[in-house]
Amino acid sequence: MPPSAGVCRRGLVAALVLCVGLVATRAWTQSLWQEEEQRFRVGLKLFPAVLGAVEDLEDKRTDSGNLEIRVVYEGSDAVARDAASALRGIGRIHEIPLNVETLNAEALDSDESLLAGVFVASVDVGAKRLRLWSERHRALVFSPFAGDVEAGAVAGIHVADRILPFVNLSRAKRAEVQFKPFFLKVARRYE
């Protein structure tokens, strides 16, 4: 074998190892791709309005008078911590104080707390989980990521020529989450 072939092979192997390492790093940190990041940022801005459009929101208050919000993630919690910080900055919805905490998806699977809302901060948490969380907690499960409303989240965002709230009416009904009529007039519905 000529010496240049060995160098080429080693370079190819090094490039392959680098690519595998980058993919593994991406999977480990669960960072968001650019489109996902944009949806995430828009979702953070829209989530308080969607939660505020839930009828009888005051019935979701805990004994301490707060609305419990969980920002759920898988893998790294970096994105979830950013979301929780942004939501804490809102402080209140309809004059009701928010208590915002991050929680691993696996922990939320078995959590029994009274929640007003769940903000999904990771891509691909799974349709079964989205449905489980909304029904178990009778809460608004909001995911800004493409395909999650169709998969079982109660609400999210619809991106087309303009950005609209996106509501899964059958999931909302199963979760016993009712939205105010004015909100449903502007929201895109998935039935």
N, C-alpha and C. Protein backbone atom coordinates (compact mmCIF):
# COMPACT_ATOMS: atom_id res chain seq x y z
N MET A 1 0.85 -1.16 0.00
CA MET A 1 0.00 0.00 0.00
C MET A 1 0.90 1.23 0.00
N PRO A 2 0.63 2.21 -0.89
CA PRO A 2 1.44 3.43 -0.93
C PRO A 2 1.23 4.24 0.34
N PRO A 3 2.27 4.99 0.78
CA PRO A 3 2.18 5.78 2.01
C PRO A 3 1.01 6.77 1.98
N SER A 4 0.68 7.32 0.84
CA SER A 4 -0.40 8.31 0.78
C SER A 4 -1.75 7.66 1.06
N ALA A 5 -1.93 6.38 0.75
CA ALA A 5 -3.19 5.68 1.03
C ALA A 5 -3.38 5.52 2.53
N GLY A 6 -2.30 5.23 3.27
CA GLY A 6 -2.39 5.09 4.73
C GLY A 6 -2.77 6.41 5.37
N VAL A 7 -2.17 7.51 4.88
CA VAL A 7 -2.48 8.84 5.41
C VAL A 7 -3.94 9.17 5.12
N CYS A 8 -4.39 8.85 3.92
CA CYS A 8 -5.77 9.12 3.53
C CYS A 8 -6.74 8.32 4.40
N ARG A 9 -6.39 7.05 4.64
CA ARG A 9 -7.24 6.20 5.48
C ARG A 9 -7.30 6.72 6.91
N ARG A 10 -6.16 7.12 7.45
CA ARG A 10 -6.14 7.67 8.81
C ARG A 10 -6.95 8.96 8.89
N GLY A 11 -6.86 9.77 7.87
CA GLY A 11 -7.65 11.02 7.81
C GLY A 11 -9.14 10.72 7.75
N LEU A 12 -9.50 9.70 6.97
CA LEU A 12 -10.90 9.31 6.86
C LEU A 12 -11.41 8.77 8.20
N VAL A 13 -10.60 7.94 8.86
CA VAL A 13 -10.98 7.40 10.17
C VAL A 13 -11.12 8.54 11.19
N ALA A 14 -10.18 9.49 11.17
CA ALA A 14 -10.25 10.62 12.10
C ALA A 14 -11.51 11.45 11.84
N ALA A 15 -11.84 11.68 10.59
CA ALA A 15 -13.05 12.43 10.25
C ALA A 15 -14.31 11.69 10.70
N LEU A 16 -14.31 10.37 10.53
CA LEU A 16 -15.45 9.56 10.95
C LEU A 16 -15.62 9.61 12.47
N VAL A 17 -14.51 9.49 13.19
CA VAL A 17 -14.56 9.56 14.66
C VAL A 17 -15.07 10.94 15.09
N LEU A 18 -14.62 12.00 14.43
CA LEU A 18 -15.09 13.34 14.75
C LEU A 18 -16.59 13.47 14.52
N CYS A 19 -17.08 12.95 13.41
CA CYS A 19 -18.52 13.01 13.11
C CYS A 19 -19.33 12.24 14.13
N VAL A 20 -18.89 11.05 14.48
CA VAL A 20 -19.59 10.26 15.49
C VAL A 20 -19.58 11.00 16.82
N GLY A 21 -18.47 11.61 17.16
CA GLY A 21 -18.38 12.38 18.40
C GLY A 21 -19.32 13.56 18.39
N LEU A 22 -19.44 14.25 17.27
CA LEU A 22 -20.36 15.38 17.18
C LEU A 22 -21.81 14.94 17.32
N VAL A 23 -22.16 13.83 16.67
CA VAL A 23 -23.52 13.31 16.78
C VAL A 23 -23.80 12.89 18.22
N ALA A 24 -22.85 12.23 18.85
CA ALA A 24 -23.03 11.81 20.25
C ALA A 24 -23.17 13.01 21.16
N THR A 25 -22.38 14.05 20.92
CA THR A 25 -22.47 15.27 21.72
C THR A 25 -23.83 15.91 21.53
N ARG A 26 -24.32 15.96 20.33
CA ARG A 26 -25.65 16.52 20.04
C ARG A 26 -26.71 15.75 20.79
N ALA A 27 -26.65 14.43 20.77
CA ALA A 27 -27.64 13.61 21.46
C ALA A 27 -27.52 13.79 22.97
N TRP A 28 -26.33 13.90 23.47
CA TRP A 28 -26.13 14.01 24.91
C TRP A 28 -26.64 15.34 25.46
N THR A 29 -26.33 16.43 24.77
CA THR A 29 -26.71 17.75 25.29
C THR A 29 -28.13 18.14 24.96
N GLN A 30 -28.74 17.46 23.99
CA GLN A 30 -30.11 17.78 23.60
C GLN A 30 -30.27 19.25 23.24
N SER A 31 -29.26 19.86 22.67
CA SER A 31 -29.42 21.24 22.24
C SER A 31 -30.35 21.26 21.04
N LEU A 32 -30.82 22.43 20.72
CA LEU A 32 -31.83 22.56 19.67
C LEU A 32 -31.21 23.00 18.35
N TRP A 33 -31.73 22.47 17.27
CA TRP A 33 -31.35 22.94 15.95
C TRP A 33 -31.98 24.32 15.76
N GLN A 34 -31.58 25.02 14.72
CA GLN A 34 -32.02 26.41 14.53
C GLN A 34 -33.55 26.53 14.46
N GLU A 35 -34.21 25.70 13.66
CA GLU A 35 -35.67 25.78 13.55
C GLU A 35 -36.33 25.47 14.90
N GLU A 36 -35.81 24.48 15.59
CA GLU A 36 -36.35 24.12 16.90
C GLU A 36 -36.15 25.27 17.89
N GLU A 37 -35.00 25.89 17.83
CA GLU A 37 -34.70 27.03 18.71
C GLU A 37 -35.69 28.17 18.46
N GLN A 38 -36.00 28.43 17.19
CA GLN A 38 -36.95 29.49 16.86
C GLN A 38 -38.34 29.14 17.40
N ARG A 39 -38.76 27.90 17.20
CA ARG A 39 -40.07 27.47 17.71
C ARG A 39 -40.10 27.55 19.24
N PHE A 40 -39.00 27.16 19.87
CA PHE A 40 -38.88 27.22 21.32
C PHE A 40 -39.07 28.65 21.82
N ARG A 41 -38.39 29.60 21.22
CA ARG A 41 -38.46 31.01 21.63
C ARG A 41 -39.88 31.57 21.43
N VAL A 42 -40.49 31.27 20.30
CA VAL A 42 -41.86 31.72 20.04
C VAL A 42 -42.81 31.07 21.03
N GLY A 43 -42.61 29.78 21.30
CA GLY A 43 -43.45 29.07 22.26
C GLY A 43 -43.38 29.67 23.65
N LEU A 44 -42.19 30.07 24.06
CA LEU A 44 -42.04 30.71 25.38
C LEU A 44 -42.84 31.99 25.47
N LYS A 45 -42.91 32.73 24.38
CA LYS A 45 -43.68 33.97 24.38
C LYS A 45 -45.18 33.70 24.34
N LEU A 46 -45.57 32.62 23.69
CA LEU A 46 -46.99 32.31 23.51
C LEU A 46 -47.58 31.53 24.69
N PHE A 47 -46.78 30.74 25.37
CA PHE A 47 -47.27 29.90 26.46
C PHE A 47 -48.09 30.65 27.51
N PRO A 48 -47.64 31.81 28.02
CA PRO A 48 -48.44 32.51 29.03
C PRO A 48 -49.83 32.91 28.51
N ALA A 49 -49.93 33.30 27.26
CA ALA A 49 -51.23 33.68 26.69
C ALA A 49 -52.14 32.45 26.57
N VAL A 50 -51.56 31.33 26.17
CA VAL A 50 -52.35 30.10 26.05
C VAL A 50 -52.82 29.65 27.43
N LEU A 51 -51.92 29.67 28.41
CA LEU A 51 -52.30 29.30 29.76
C LEU A 51 -53.36 30.27 30.30
N GLY A 52 -53.21 31.53 30.00
CA GLY A 52 -54.18 32.53 30.44
C GLY A 52 -55.54 32.37 29.79
N ALA A 53 -55.61 31.67 28.67
CA ALA A 53 -56.88 31.44 27.98
C ALA A 53 -57.62 30.21 28.49
N VAL A 54 -57.04 29.51 29.46
CA VAL A 54 -57.71 28.35 30.04
C VAL A 54 -58.82 28.83 30.96
N GLU A 55 -60.03 28.32 30.74
CA GLU A 55 -61.15 28.68 31.61
C GLU A 55 -60.92 28.10 33.00
N ASP A 56 -61.42 28.79 33.99
CA ASP A 56 -61.33 28.35 35.39
C ASP A 56 -59.89 28.08 35.82
N LEU A 57 -58.97 28.91 35.35
CA LEU A 57 -57.56 28.75 35.69
C LEU A 57 -57.36 28.86 37.21
N GLU A 58 -58.16 29.69 37.85
CA GLU A 58 -58.01 29.84 39.30
C GLU A 58 -58.25 28.53 40.05
N ASP A 59 -58.99 27.61 39.45
CA ASP A 59 -59.21 26.30 40.08
C ASP A 59 -57.95 25.44 40.09
N LYS A 60 -56.95 25.84 39.32
CA LYS A 60 -55.68 25.10 39.24
C LYS A 60 -54.68 25.56 40.30
N ARG A 61 -55.06 26.53 41.11
CA ARG A 61 -54.16 27.02 42.15
C ARG A 61 -53.94 25.94 43.21
N THR A 62 -52.73 25.89 43.72
CA THR A 62 -52.42 24.98 44.82
C THR A 62 -52.90 25.60 46.13
N ASP A 63 -52.73 24.87 47.22
CA ASP A 63 -53.11 25.39 48.53
C ASP A 63 -52.36 26.68 48.88
N SER A 64 -51.16 26.83 48.34
CA SER A 64 -50.39 28.05 48.59
C SER A 64 -50.78 29.20 47.67
N GLY A 65 -51.73 28.94 46.76
CA GLY A 65 -52.23 30.00 45.89
C GLY A 65 -51.49 30.17 44.58
N ASN A 66 -50.54 29.29 44.29
CA ASN A 66 -49.73 29.39 43.07
C ASN A 66 -50.30 28.53 41.95
N LEU A 67 -49.89 28.86 40.74
CA LEU A 67 -50.06 27.97 39.60
C LEU A 67 -48.75 27.23 39.44
N GLU A 68 -48.77 25.93 39.52
CA GLU A 68 -47.56 25.13 39.37
C GLU A 68 -47.31 24.86 37.89
N ILE A 69 -46.13 25.25 37.44
CA ILE A 69 -45.72 25.06 36.06
C ILE A 69 -44.46 24.20 36.07
N ARG A 70 -44.41 23.19 35.23
CA ARG A 70 -43.21 22.37 35.09
C ARG A 70 -42.67 22.52 33.67
N VAL A 71 -41.39 22.79 33.60
CA VAL A 71 -40.67 22.81 32.33
C VAL A 71 -39.96 21.46 32.26
N VAL A 72 -40.38 20.63 31.34
CA VAL A 72 -39.92 19.25 31.29
C VAL A 72 -38.87 19.07 30.19
N TYR A 73 -37.90 18.22 30.47
CA TYR A 73 -36.79 18.02 29.54
C TYR A 73 -36.33 16.57 29.59
N GLU A 74 -35.58 16.19 28.56
CA GLU A 74 -34.84 14.93 28.54
C GLU A 74 -33.39 15.27 28.24
N GLY A 75 -32.48 14.51 28.81
CA GLY A 75 -31.06 14.77 28.58
C GLY A 75 -30.60 15.97 29.40
N SER A 76 -29.93 16.89 28.74
CA SER A 76 -29.43 18.09 29.39
C SER A 76 -30.58 19.01 29.79
N ASP A 77 -30.44 19.66 30.93
CA ASP A 77 -31.48 20.57 31.38
C ASP A 77 -31.20 22.03 31.01
N ALA A 78 -30.20 22.29 30.19
CA ALA A 78 -29.80 23.66 29.88
C ALA A 78 -30.93 24.46 29.23
N VAL A 79 -31.59 23.90 28.24
CA VAL A 79 -32.68 24.60 27.56
C VAL A 79 -33.85 24.79 28.52
N ALA A 80 -34.13 23.77 29.33
CA ALA A 80 -35.22 23.86 30.30
C ALA A 80 -34.96 24.95 31.33
N ARG A 81 -33.72 25.08 31.76
CA ARG A 81 -33.39 26.13 32.74
C ARG A 81 -33.63 27.51 32.14
N ASP A 82 -33.28 27.68 30.85
CA ASP A 82 -33.55 28.96 30.17
C ASP A 82 -35.04 29.24 30.12
N ALA A 83 -35.82 28.21 29.80
CA ALA A 83 -37.27 28.38 29.71
C ALA A 83 -37.85 28.72 31.08
N ALA A 84 -37.43 28.00 32.10
CA ALA A 84 -37.94 28.25 33.45
C ALA A 84 -37.61 29.66 33.90
N SER A 85 -36.42 30.13 33.60
CA SER A 85 -36.03 31.49 33.97
C SER A 85 -36.93 32.52 33.28
N ALA A 86 -37.19 32.31 32.00
CA ALA A 86 -38.05 33.23 31.25
C ALA A 86 -39.47 33.22 31.82
N LEU A 87 -39.99 32.04 32.13
CA LEU A 87 -41.36 31.95 32.66
C LEU A 87 -41.45 32.52 34.07
N ARG A 88 -40.40 32.34 34.87
CA ARG A 88 -40.40 32.94 36.21
C ARG A 88 -40.46 34.46 36.11
N GLY A 89 -39.83 35.00 35.07
CA GLY A 89 -39.81 36.44 34.86
C GLY A 89 -41.20 37.02 34.63
N ILE A 90 -42.13 36.21 34.18
CA ILE A 90 -43.51 36.67 33.98
C ILE A 90 -44.17 36.91 35.33
N GLY A 91 -43.88 36.02 36.26
CA GLY A 91 -44.35 36.21 37.63
C GLY A 91 -45.77 35.77 37.91
N ARG A 92 -46.73 36.27 37.13
CA ARG A 92 -48.14 36.01 37.39
C ARG A 92 -48.91 35.89 36.08
N ILE A 93 -49.99 35.14 36.16
CA ILE A 93 -50.97 35.10 35.08
C ILE A 93 -52.32 35.34 35.74
N HIS A 94 -53.04 36.35 35.27
CA HIS A 94 -54.31 36.75 35.88
C HIS A 94 -54.15 36.99 37.38
N GLU A 95 -53.07 37.63 37.73
CA GLU A 95 -52.76 37.97 39.13
C GLU A 95 -52.50 36.76 40.03
N ILE A 96 -52.36 35.58 39.43
CA ILE A 96 -52.05 34.38 40.20
C ILE A 96 -50.55 34.13 40.07
N PRO A 97 -49.82 34.04 41.19
CA PRO A 97 -48.37 33.81 41.12
C PRO A 97 -48.03 32.45 40.49
N LEU A 98 -46.93 32.44 39.77
CA LEU A 98 -46.44 31.21 39.15
C LEU A 98 -45.31 30.62 39.98
N ASN A 99 -45.31 29.33 40.11
CA ASN A 99 -44.16 28.61 40.66
C ASN A 99 -43.66 27.71 39.54
N VAL A 100 -42.51 28.06 38.98
CA VAL A 100 -41.97 27.36 37.81
C VAL A 100 -40.76 26.54 38.22
N GLU A 101 -40.78 25.27 37.90
CA GLU A 101 -39.68 24.36 38.21
C GLU A 101 -39.35 23.52 36.98
N THR A 102 -38.09 23.12 36.85
CA THR A 102 -37.71 22.18 35.80
C THR A 102 -37.83 20.77 36.35
N LEU A 103 -38.14 19.84 35.46
CA LEU A 103 -38.31 18.45 35.89
C LEU A 103 -37.97 17.54 34.72
N ASN A 104 -37.21 16.51 35.00
CA ASN A 104 -36.87 15.51 34.00
C ASN A 104 -38.14 14.78 33.57
N ALA A 105 -38.23 14.44 32.29
CA ALA A 105 -39.42 13.77 31.75
C ALA A 105 -39.75 12.49 32.51
N GLU A 106 -38.75 11.74 32.86
CA GLU A 106 -38.97 10.49 33.59
C GLU A 106 -39.60 10.76 34.96
N ALA A 107 -39.17 11.82 35.62
CA ALA A 107 -39.73 12.17 36.92
C ALA A 107 -41.19 12.62 36.78
N LEU A 108 -41.50 13.34 35.70
CA LEU A 108 -42.88 13.79 35.49
C LEU A 108 -43.80 12.60 35.19
N ASP A 109 -43.24 11.55 34.61
CA ASP A 109 -44.05 10.35 34.32
C ASP A 109 -44.73 9.81 35.57
N SER A 110 -44.08 9.93 36.71
CA SER A 110 -44.64 9.37 37.95
C SER A 110 -45.09 10.44 38.94
N ASP A 111 -44.98 11.70 38.58
CA ASP A 111 -45.37 12.80 39.47
C ASP A 111 -46.89 12.88 39.57
N GLU A 112 -47.38 13.18 40.74
CA GLU A 112 -48.83 13.27 40.96
C GLU A 112 -49.27 14.67 41.36
N SER A 113 -48.41 15.64 41.24
CA SER A 113 -48.71 17.00 41.69
C SER A 113 -49.85 17.63 40.89
N LEU A 114 -50.53 18.58 41.53
CA LEU A 114 -51.52 19.40 40.84
C LEU A 114 -50.76 20.43 40.02
N LEU A 115 -50.89 20.35 38.71
CA LEU A 115 -50.19 21.27 37.82
C LEU A 115 -51.19 22.07 37.00
N ALA A 116 -50.82 23.30 36.70
CA ALA A 116 -51.61 24.11 35.78
C ALA A 116 -51.10 23.96 34.36
N GLY A 117 -49.78 23.78 34.22
CA GLY A 117 -49.21 23.69 32.89
C GLY A 117 -47.87 22.98 32.87
N VAL A 118 -47.60 22.39 31.70
CA VAL A 118 -46.32 21.74 31.43
C VAL A 118 -45.80 22.34 30.14
N PHE A 119 -44.59 22.88 30.19
CA PHE A 119 -43.94 23.40 28.98
C PHE A 119 -42.86 22.41 28.59
N VAL A 120 -42.97 21.86 27.39
CA VAL A 120 -42.02 20.86 26.91
C VAL A 120 -40.82 21.58 26.31
N ALA A 121 -39.62 21.30 26.85
CA ALA A 121 -38.40 21.98 26.41
C ALA A 121 -37.44 21.08 25.65
N SER A 122 -37.88 19.85 25.35
CA SER A 122 -37.04 18.91 24.58
C SER A 122 -37.83 18.35 23.41
N VAL A 123 -37.13 18.11 22.35
CA VAL A 123 -37.75 17.53 21.15
C VAL A 123 -37.94 16.03 21.37
N ASP A 124 -39.02 15.51 20.81
CA ASP A 124 -39.28 14.06 20.79
C ASP A 124 -39.39 13.42 22.17
N VAL A 125 -40.20 14.00 23.05
CA VAL A 125 -40.42 13.35 24.35
C VAL A 125 -41.37 12.16 24.21
N GLY A 126 -42.08 12.09 23.11
CA GLY A 126 -42.94 10.94 22.84
C GLY A 126 -44.42 11.23 23.03
N ALA A 127 -45.20 10.72 22.10
CA ALA A 127 -46.65 10.94 22.11
C ALA A 127 -47.29 10.37 23.36
N LYS A 128 -46.85 9.20 23.78
CA LYS A 128 -47.44 8.56 24.96
C LYS A 128 -47.28 9.45 26.19
N ARG A 129 -46.11 10.04 26.34
CA ARG A 129 -45.87 10.93 27.48
C ARG A 129 -46.75 12.18 27.41
N LEU A 130 -46.84 12.77 26.25
CA LEU A 130 -47.65 13.98 26.10
C LEU A 130 -49.09 13.71 26.54
N ARG A 131 -49.62 12.59 26.11
CA ARG A 131 -50.99 12.22 26.48
C ARG A 131 -51.09 11.90 27.98
N LEU A 132 -50.13 11.15 28.48
CA LEU A 132 -50.12 10.77 29.90
C LEU A 132 -50.10 12.00 30.80
N TRP A 133 -49.22 12.95 30.51
CA TRP A 133 -49.09 14.13 31.35
C TRP A 133 -50.37 14.96 31.36
N SER A 134 -50.98 15.16 30.21
CA SER A 134 -52.18 15.99 30.17
C SER A 134 -53.33 15.33 30.92
N GLU A 135 -53.48 14.02 30.77
CA GLU A 135 -54.58 13.32 31.42
C GLU A 135 -54.34 13.15 32.92
N ARG A 136 -53.12 12.80 33.31
CA ARG A 136 -52.84 12.59 34.73
C ARG A 136 -52.97 13.88 35.53
N HIS A 137 -52.47 14.97 34.99
CA HIS A 137 -52.45 16.23 35.72
C HIS A 137 -53.63 17.14 35.39
N ARG A 138 -54.43 16.73 34.40
CA ARG A 138 -55.54 17.59 33.95
C ARG A 138 -55.01 19.00 33.70
N ALA A 139 -53.92 19.02 32.95
CA ALA A 139 -53.18 20.27 32.76
C ALA A 139 -52.94 20.57 31.30
N LEU A 140 -52.64 21.82 31.03
CA LEU A 140 -52.22 22.25 29.71
C LEU A 140 -50.81 21.73 29.48
N VAL A 141 -50.65 20.84 28.51
CA VAL A 141 -49.32 20.39 28.10
C VAL A 141 -49.03 21.11 26.78
N PHE A 142 -48.04 21.99 26.83
CA PHE A 142 -47.72 22.86 25.70
C PHE A 142 -46.36 22.47 25.15
N SER A 143 -46.31 22.19 23.85
CA SER A 143 -45.03 21.92 23.19
C SER A 143 -44.91 22.78 21.96
N PRO A 144 -43.83 23.52 21.83
CA PRO A 144 -43.64 24.36 20.65
C PRO A 144 -43.10 23.59 19.44
N PHE A 145 -42.79 22.31 19.61
CA PHE A 145 -42.09 21.57 18.57
C PHE A 145 -43.05 20.94 17.55
N ALA A 146 -42.60 20.92 16.31
CA ALA A 146 -43.41 20.42 15.20
C ALA A 146 -43.86 18.99 15.46
N GLY A 147 -45.15 18.73 15.23
CA GLY A 147 -45.71 17.40 15.34
C GLY A 147 -46.22 17.02 16.71
N ASP A 148 -45.89 17.78 17.76
CA ASP A 148 -46.27 17.40 19.11
C ASP A 148 -47.75 17.61 19.40
N VAL A 149 -48.37 18.62 18.82
CA VAL A 149 -49.82 18.81 19.04
C VAL A 149 -50.57 17.64 18.40
N GLU A 150 -50.17 17.26 17.20
CA GLU A 150 -50.80 16.13 16.55
C GLU A 150 -50.54 14.83 17.32
N ALA A 151 -49.40 14.75 18.00
CA ALA A 151 -49.02 13.54 18.74
C ALA A 151 -49.69 13.44 20.10
N GLY A 152 -50.20 14.56 20.64
CA GLY A 152 -50.87 14.45 21.92
C GLY A 152 -50.73 15.61 22.88
N ALA A 153 -49.93 16.62 22.55
CA ALA A 153 -49.88 17.81 23.40
C ALA A 153 -51.21 18.54 23.28
N VAL A 154 -51.62 19.20 24.34
CA VAL A 154 -52.88 19.95 24.32
C VAL A 154 -52.75 21.18 23.42
N ALA A 155 -51.59 21.82 23.45
CA ALA A 155 -51.41 23.04 22.66
C ALA A 155 -49.95 23.21 22.26
N GLY A 156 -49.76 24.08 21.29
CA GLY A 156 -48.43 24.40 20.78
C GLY A 156 -48.53 25.58 19.85
N ILE A 157 -47.69 25.58 18.82
CA ILE A 157 -47.73 26.67 17.84
C ILE A 157 -47.87 26.10 16.44
N HIS A 158 -48.57 26.87 15.61
CA HIS A 158 -48.72 26.54 14.19
C HIS A 158 -47.98 27.62 13.42
N VAL A 159 -47.04 27.21 12.58
CA VAL A 159 -46.24 28.15 11.82
C VAL A 159 -46.60 28.02 10.35
N ALA A 160 -47.07 29.10 9.78
CA ALA A 160 -47.37 29.17 8.34
C ALA A 160 -47.02 30.60 7.91
N ASP A 161 -47.95 31.28 7.24
CA ASP A 161 -47.67 32.67 6.88
C ASP A 161 -47.69 33.57 8.11
N ARG A 162 -48.31 33.08 9.18
CA ARG A 162 -48.24 33.75 10.47
C ARG A 162 -48.23 32.68 11.57
N ILE A 163 -47.86 33.07 12.75
CA ILE A 163 -47.76 32.12 13.86
C ILE A 163 -49.04 32.22 14.70
N LEU A 164 -49.65 31.06 14.93
CA LEU A 164 -50.89 30.99 15.69
C LEU A 164 -50.76 29.96 16.81
N PRO A 165 -51.54 30.13 17.87
CA PRO A 165 -51.64 29.04 18.84
C PRO A 165 -52.27 27.84 18.14
N PHE A 166 -51.88 26.65 18.51
CA PHE A 166 -52.36 25.42 17.88
C PHE A 166 -52.91 24.55 19.00
N VAL A 167 -54.18 24.15 18.91
CA VAL A 167 -54.86 23.44 19.98
C VAL A 167 -55.38 22.09 19.50
N ASN A 168 -55.09 21.05 20.27
CA ASN A 168 -55.61 19.72 20.02
C ASN A 168 -56.87 19.58 20.88
N LEU A 169 -58.03 19.77 20.25
CA LEU A 169 -59.28 19.81 21.01
C LEU A 169 -59.64 18.49 21.67
N SER A 170 -59.34 17.37 21.03
CA SER A 170 -59.66 16.08 21.66
C SER A 170 -58.77 15.85 22.88
N ARG A 171 -57.50 16.22 22.80
CA ARG A 171 -56.60 16.11 23.96
C ARG A 171 -57.05 17.05 25.07
N ALA A 172 -57.44 18.26 24.71
CA ALA A 172 -57.90 19.22 25.72
C ALA A 172 -59.12 18.67 26.45
N LYS A 173 -60.03 18.08 25.70
CA LYS A 173 -61.23 17.51 26.31
C LYS A 173 -60.87 16.38 27.27
N ARG A 174 -59.96 15.49 26.86
CA ARG A 174 -59.55 14.38 27.73
C ARG A 174 -58.84 14.88 28.98
N ALA A 175 -58.12 15.99 28.85
CA ALA A 175 -57.41 16.57 30.00
C ALA A 175 -58.31 17.48 30.83
N GLU A 176 -59.56 17.64 30.37
CA GLU A 176 -60.51 18.54 31.03
C GLU A 176 -60.00 19.97 31.07
N VAL A 177 -59.35 20.37 29.98
CA VAL A 177 -58.88 21.74 29.81
C VAL A 177 -59.80 22.41 28.80
N GLN A 178 -60.47 23.46 29.23
CA GLN A 178 -61.35 24.21 28.34
C GLN A 178 -60.76 25.59 28.12
N PHE A 179 -60.84 26.02 26.86
CA PHE A 179 -60.32 27.33 26.51
C PHE A 179 -61.46 28.32 26.35
N LYS A 180 -61.15 29.57 26.60
CA LYS A 180 -62.13 30.65 26.45
C LYS A 180 -62.48 30.79 24.96
N PRO A 181 -63.73 31.11 24.66
CA PRO A 181 -64.17 31.19 23.27
C PRO A 181 -63.36 32.16 22.41
N PHE A 182 -62.97 33.32 22.97
CA PHE A 182 -62.19 34.28 22.17
C PHE A 182 -60.87 33.68 21.71
N PHE A 183 -60.27 32.85 22.55
CA PHE A 183 -59.00 32.22 22.21
C PHE A 183 -59.19 31.21 21.07
N LEU A 184 -60.26 30.44 21.15
CA LEU A 184 -60.51 29.43 20.11
C LEU A 184 -60.81 30.06 18.76
N LYS A 185 -61.27 31.31 18.76
CA LYS A 185 -61.53 32.00 17.49
C LYS A 185 -60.23 32.32 16.75
N VAL A 186 -59.15 32.55 17.48
CA VAL A 186 -57.88 32.89 16.83
C VAL A 186 -56.94 31.70 16.69
N ALA A 187 -57.17 30.65 17.47
CA ALA A 187 -56.26 29.50 17.46
C ALA A 187 -56.54 28.59 16.26
N ARG A 188 -55.52 27.95 15.80
CA ARG A 188 -55.67 26.89 14.79
C ARG A 188 -56.04 25.62 15.56
N ARG A 189 -57.01 24.90 15.05
CA ARG A 189 -57.49 23.70 15.76
C ARG A 189 -57.05 22.43 15.08
N TYR A 190 -56.68 21.48 15.89
CA TYR A 190 -56.39 20.13 15.42
C TYR A 190 -57.46 19.25 16.03
N GLU A 191 -58.29 18.64 15.16
CA GLU A 191 -59.39 17.81 15.68
C GLU A 191 -59.24 16.38 15.24
